[in-house]
Amino acid sequence: MPTSKEFAIRMEDRPGTLGKFCRALADRGVNILAFQSVPFEGKSLVRLVVDNPATAKTVIDSEQLACTETEVAQVKLPHRPGELARAASRLGEANININYAYVGVEPGTNAPLLIFGVAEVARAVAILEQATAAAAI
């Protein structure tokens, strides 16, 4: 279970802005694996995990978008009731606060990918790996 690079991008909150940006990514062959967009201080805060972070960063820079990069914990969970509860509970038991979370899809399998924004990414990944291994038994 890996960590992933996440881009948090502030963009104008107006019709067509997100579509233009996503088209620019697609035109460069970048696949969006997970996505979240929320209003933030009069703009949109868009969080992305992509399959090619280096190319995505080039697109972000060429579009002159304000962006921060961070590592997030990524876990592939079975698509069944209780999986989010199990993963979130394990992090809580380890006293790791979940700052935010969102879902994407693993390429090829379409399995759910859960993205956790946490302060202790490496520790969270280890805990989530144990939880996933225990669930497979």
C-alpha atoms as a PDB file:
ATOM      1  CA  MET A   1       0.000   0.000   0.000  1.00  0.00           C
ATOM      2  CA  PRO A   2       1.671   3.112  -1.202  1.00  0.00           C
ATOM      3  CA  THR A   3       1.771   6.705  -0.405  1.00  0.00           C
ATOM      4  CA  SER A   4       0.775   8.915  -3.289  1.00  0.00           C
ATOM      5  CA  LYS A   5       1.561  12.451  -4.310  1.00  0.00           C
ATOM      6  CA  GLU A   6      -1.494  14.660  -4.040  1.00  0.00           C
ATOM      7  CA  PHE A   7      -1.915  18.010  -5.708  1.00  0.00           C
ATOM      8  CA  ALA A   8      -4.109  20.560  -3.943  1.00  0.00           C
ATOM      9  CA  ILE A   9      -4.975  23.206  -6.503  1.00  0.00           C
ATOM     10  CA  ARG A  10      -6.806  26.491  -5.965  1.00  0.00           C
ATOM     11  CA  MET A  11      -8.727  27.492  -9.040  1.00  0.00           C
ATOM     12  CA  GLU A  12     -11.415  29.942  -9.996  1.00  0.00           C
ATOM     13  CA  ASP A  13     -14.926  28.808  -9.112  1.00  0.00           C
ATOM     14  CA  ARG A  14     -16.652  29.493 -12.408  1.00  0.00           C
ATOM     15  CA  PRO A  15     -18.168  27.397 -15.220  1.00  0.00           C
ATOM     16  CA  GLY A  16     -15.647  25.607 -17.417  1.00  0.00           C
ATOM     17  CA  THR A  17     -12.544  26.067 -15.267  1.00  0.00           C
ATOM     18  CA  LEU A  18     -12.365  22.490 -14.005  1.00  0.00           C
ATOM     19  CA  GLY A  19     -13.210  21.057 -17.414  1.00  0.00           C
ATOM     20  CA  LYS A  20     -10.444  23.050 -19.100  1.00  0.00           C
ATOM     21  CA  PHE A  21      -7.896  21.895 -16.546  1.00  0.00           C
ATOM     22  CA  CYS A  22      -8.964  18.236 -16.714  1.00  0.00           C
ATOM     23  CA  ARG A  23      -8.861  18.392 -20.535  1.00  0.00           C
ATOM     24  CA  ALA A  24      -5.285  19.705 -20.326  1.00  0.00           C
ATOM     25  CA  LEU A  25      -4.351  16.717 -18.133  1.00  0.00           C
ATOM     26  CA  ALA A  26      -6.075  14.267 -20.477  1.00  0.00           C
ATOM     27  CA  ASP A  27      -4.385  15.790 -23.519  1.00  0.00           C
ATOM     28  CA  ARG A  28      -1.030  15.010 -21.867  1.00  0.00           C
ATOM     29  CA  GLY A  29      -2.105  11.419 -21.059  1.00  0.00           C
ATOM     30  CA  VAL A  30      -2.548  11.961 -17.310  1.00  0.00           C
ATOM     31  CA  ASN A  31      -5.210   9.759 -15.705  1.00  0.00           C
ATOM     32  CA  ILE A  32      -6.953  11.065 -12.584  1.00  0.00           C
ATOM     33  CA  LEU A  33      -7.127   8.252 -10.005  1.00  0.00           C
ATOM     34  CA  ALA A  34      -8.879  10.169  -7.220  1.00  0.00           C
ATOM     35  CA  PHE A  35     -10.525  13.567  -7.106  1.00  0.00           C
ATOM     36  CA  GLN A  36     -12.198  15.950  -4.681  1.00  0.00           C
ATOM     37  CA  SER A  37     -13.429  19.514  -5.149  1.00  0.00           C
ATOM     38  CA  VAL A  38     -14.819  21.810  -2.454  1.00  0.00           C
ATOM     39  CA  PRO A  39     -15.446  25.557  -2.174  1.00  0.00           C
ATOM     40  CA  PHE A  40     -12.624  27.338  -0.367  1.00  0.00           C
ATOM     41  CA  GLU A  41     -12.236  31.065   0.296  1.00  0.00           C
ATOM     42  CA  GLY A  42     -14.208  32.094  -2.790  1.00  0.00           C
ATOM     43  CA  LYS A  43     -12.406  29.630  -5.048  1.00  0.00           C
ATOM     44  CA  SER A  44     -12.404  25.875  -5.518  1.00  0.00           C
ATOM     45  CA  LEU A  45      -9.929  23.619  -3.765  1.00  0.00           C
ATOM     46  CA  VAL A  46      -9.317  20.633  -6.006  1.00  0.00           C
ATOM     47  CA  ARG A  47      -7.378  17.648  -4.692  1.00  0.00           C
ATOM     48  CA  LEU A  48      -6.025  15.137  -7.204  1.00  0.00           C
ATOM     49  CA  VAL A  49      -4.076  11.906  -7.193  1.00  0.00           C
ATOM     50  CA  VAL A  50      -2.898  11.017 -10.693  1.00  0.00           C
ATOM     51  CA  ASP A  51      -0.968   8.247 -12.413  1.00  0.00           C
ATOM     52  CA  ASN A  52       1.791  10.577 -13.631  1.00  0.00           C
ATOM     53  CA  PRO A  53       2.603  13.302 -11.077  1.00  0.00           C
ATOM     54  CA  ALA A  54       5.544  14.760 -13.032  1.00  0.00           C
ATOM     55  CA  THR A  55       3.458  15.429 -16.133  1.00  0.00           C
ATOM     56  CA  ALA A  56       0.540  16.672 -14.031  1.00  0.00           C
ATOM     57  CA  LYS A  57       2.859  19.186 -12.340  1.00  0.00           C
ATOM     58  CA  THR A  58       3.966  20.433 -15.764  1.00  0.00           C
ATOM     59  CA  VAL A  59       0.301  20.954 -16.734  1.00  0.00           C
ATOM     60  CA  ILE A  60      -0.466  22.718 -13.436  1.00  0.00           C
ATOM     61  CA  ASP A  61       2.489  25.043 -13.959  1.00  0.00           C
ATOM     62  CA  SER A  62       1.565  25.749 -17.590  1.00  0.00           C
ATOM     63  CA  GLU A  63      -1.996  26.628 -16.510  1.00  0.00           C
ATOM     64  CA  GLN A  64      -0.488  28.967 -13.858  1.00  0.00           C
ATOM     65  CA  LEU A  65      -2.517  27.408 -11.042  1.00  0.00           C
ATOM     66  CA  ALA A  66      -1.622  27.781  -7.348  1.00  0.00           C
ATOM     67  CA  CYS A  67      -0.740  24.323  -6.101  1.00  0.00           C
ATOM     68  CA  THR A  68       0.704  22.490  -3.114  1.00  0.00           C
ATOM     69  CA  GLU A  69       2.021  18.951  -3.178  1.00  0.00           C
ATOM     70  CA  THR A  70       1.827  16.516  -0.300  1.00  0.00           C
ATOM     71  CA  GLU A  71       2.063  12.804   0.381  1.00  0.00           C
ATOM     72  CA  VAL A  72      -1.162  11.014   1.279  1.00  0.00           C
ATOM     73  CA  ALA A  73      -1.926   7.468   2.394  1.00  0.00           C
ATOM     74  CA  GLN A  74      -3.616   5.388  -0.280  1.00  0.00           C
ATOM     75  CA  VAL A  75      -5.366   2.110   0.484  1.00  0.00           C
ATOM     76  CA  LYS A  76      -7.239  -0.266  -1.796  1.00  0.00           C
ATOM     77  CA  LEU A  77     -10.260  -1.590   0.063  1.00  0.00           C
ATOM     78  CA  PRO A  78     -12.695  -4.355  -0.798  1.00  0.00           C
ATOM     79  CA  HIS A  79     -16.029  -2.990  -1.981  1.00  0.00           C
ATOM     80  CA  ARG A  80     -18.216  -4.235   0.870  1.00  0.00           C
ATOM     81  CA  PRO A  81     -19.980  -2.827   3.917  1.00  0.00           C
ATOM     82  CA  GLY A  82     -17.802  -1.805   6.854  1.00  0.00           C
ATOM     83  CA  GLU A  83     -14.465  -1.337   5.083  1.00  0.00           C
ATOM     84  CA  LEU A  84     -14.281   2.416   5.627  1.00  0.00           C
ATOM     85  CA  ALA A  85     -15.316   1.905   9.258  1.00  0.00           C
ATOM     86  CA  ARG A  86     -12.537  -0.662   9.728  1.00  0.00           C
ATOM     87  CA  ALA A  87      -9.835   1.508   8.141  1.00  0.00           C
ATOM     88  CA  ALA A  88     -10.887   4.700   9.958  1.00  0.00           C
ATOM     89  CA  SER A  89     -11.167   2.834  13.267  1.00  0.00           C
ATOM     90  CA  ARG A  90      -7.647   1.430  12.931  1.00  0.00           C
ATOM     91  CA  LEU A  91      -6.253   4.905  12.380  1.00  0.00           C
ATOM     92  CA  GLY A  92      -8.266   6.243  15.321  1.00  0.00           C
ATOM     93  CA  GLU A  93      -7.008   3.440  17.593  1.00  0.00           C
ATOM     94  CA  ALA A  94      -3.462   4.515  16.655  1.00  0.00           C
ATOM     95  CA  ASN A  95      -4.365   8.136  17.524  1.00  0.00           C
ATOM     96  CA  ILE A  96      -3.948   9.263  13.911  1.00  0.00           C
ATOM     97  CA  ASN A  97      -6.387  12.011  12.997  1.00  0.00           C
ATOM     98  CA  ILE A  98      -7.896  11.955   9.513  1.00  0.00           C
ATOM     99  CA  ASN A  99      -7.769  15.520   8.220  1.00  0.00           C
ATOM    100  CA  TYR A 100      -9.713  14.652   5.070  1.00  0.00           C
ATOM    101  CA  ALA A 101     -10.447  11.655   2.871  1.00  0.00           C
ATOM    102  CA  TYR A 102     -11.824  10.931  -0.566  1.00  0.00           C
ATOM    103  CA  VAL A 103     -12.205   8.036  -2.946  1.00  0.00           C
ATOM    104  CA  GLY A 104     -10.915   7.116  -6.381  1.00  0.00           C
ATOM    105  CA  VAL A 105     -10.594   4.019  -8.519  1.00  0.00           C
ATOM    106  CA  GLU A 106      -7.611   1.761  -9.146  1.00  0.00           C
ATOM    107  CA  PRO A 107      -6.798   1.548 -12.847  1.00  0.00           C
ATOM    108  CA  GLY A 108      -7.381  -1.843 -14.393  1.00  0.00           C
ATOM    109  CA  THR A 109      -9.382  -3.326 -11.527  1.00  0.00           C
ATOM    110  CA  ASN A 110     -11.779  -0.461 -10.714  1.00  0.00           C
ATOM    111  CA  ALA A 111     -11.262  -1.327  -7.024  1.00  0.00           C
ATOM    112  CA  PRO A 112     -11.997   1.562  -4.648  1.00  0.00           C
ATOM    113  CA  LEU A 113      -8.953   3.585  -3.605  1.00  0.00           C
ATOM    114  CA  LEU A 114      -9.325   5.504  -0.389  1.00  0.00           C
ATOM    115  CA  ILE A 115      -7.093   8.541   0.020  1.00  0.00           C
ATOM    116  CA  PHE A 116      -6.387   9.715   3.582  1.00  0.00           C
ATOM    117  CA  GLY A 117      -4.843  13.096   4.338  1.00  0.00           C
ATOM    118  CA  VAL A 118      -3.073  12.563   7.658  1.00  0.00           C
ATOM    119  CA  ALA A 119      -0.097  14.103   9.448  1.00  0.00           C
ATOM    120  CA  GLU A 120       1.740  10.789   9.872  1.00  0.00           C
ATOM    121  CA  VAL A 121       1.525   9.291   6.388  1.00  0.00           C
ATOM    122  CA  ALA A 122       4.137   6.523   6.744  1.00  0.00           C
ATOM    123  CA  ARG A 123       2.665   5.347  10.045  1.00  0.00           C
ATOM    124  CA  ALA A 124      -0.863   5.455   8.623  1.00  0.00           C
ATOM    125  CA  VAL A 125       0.209   3.398   5.601  1.00  0.00           C
ATOM    126  CA  ALA A 126       1.721   0.716   7.854  1.00  0.00           C
ATOM    127  CA  ILE A 127      -1.470   0.525   9.938  1.00  0.00           C
ATOM    128  CA  LEU A 128      -3.683   0.382   6.848  1.00  0.00           C
ATOM    129  CA  GLU A 129      -1.489  -2.357   5.334  1.00  0.00           C
ATOM    130  CA  GLN A 130      -1.977  -4.458   8.483  1.00  0.00           C
ATOM    131  CA  ALA A 131      -5.720  -3.836   8.423  1.00  0.00           C
ATOM    132  CA  THR A 132      -5.973  -4.815   4.757  1.00  0.00           C
ATOM    133  CA  ALA A 133      -3.936  -7.984   5.301  1.00  0.00           C
ATOM    134  CA  ALA A 134      -6.124  -8.959   8.267  1.00  0.00           C
ATOM    135  CA  ALA A 135      -9.295  -8.426   6.219  1.00  0.00           C
ATOM    136  CA  ALA A 136      -8.027 -10.729   3.456  1.00  0.00           C
ATOM    137  CA  ILE A 137      -7.683 -13.688   5.828  1.00  0.00           C
END
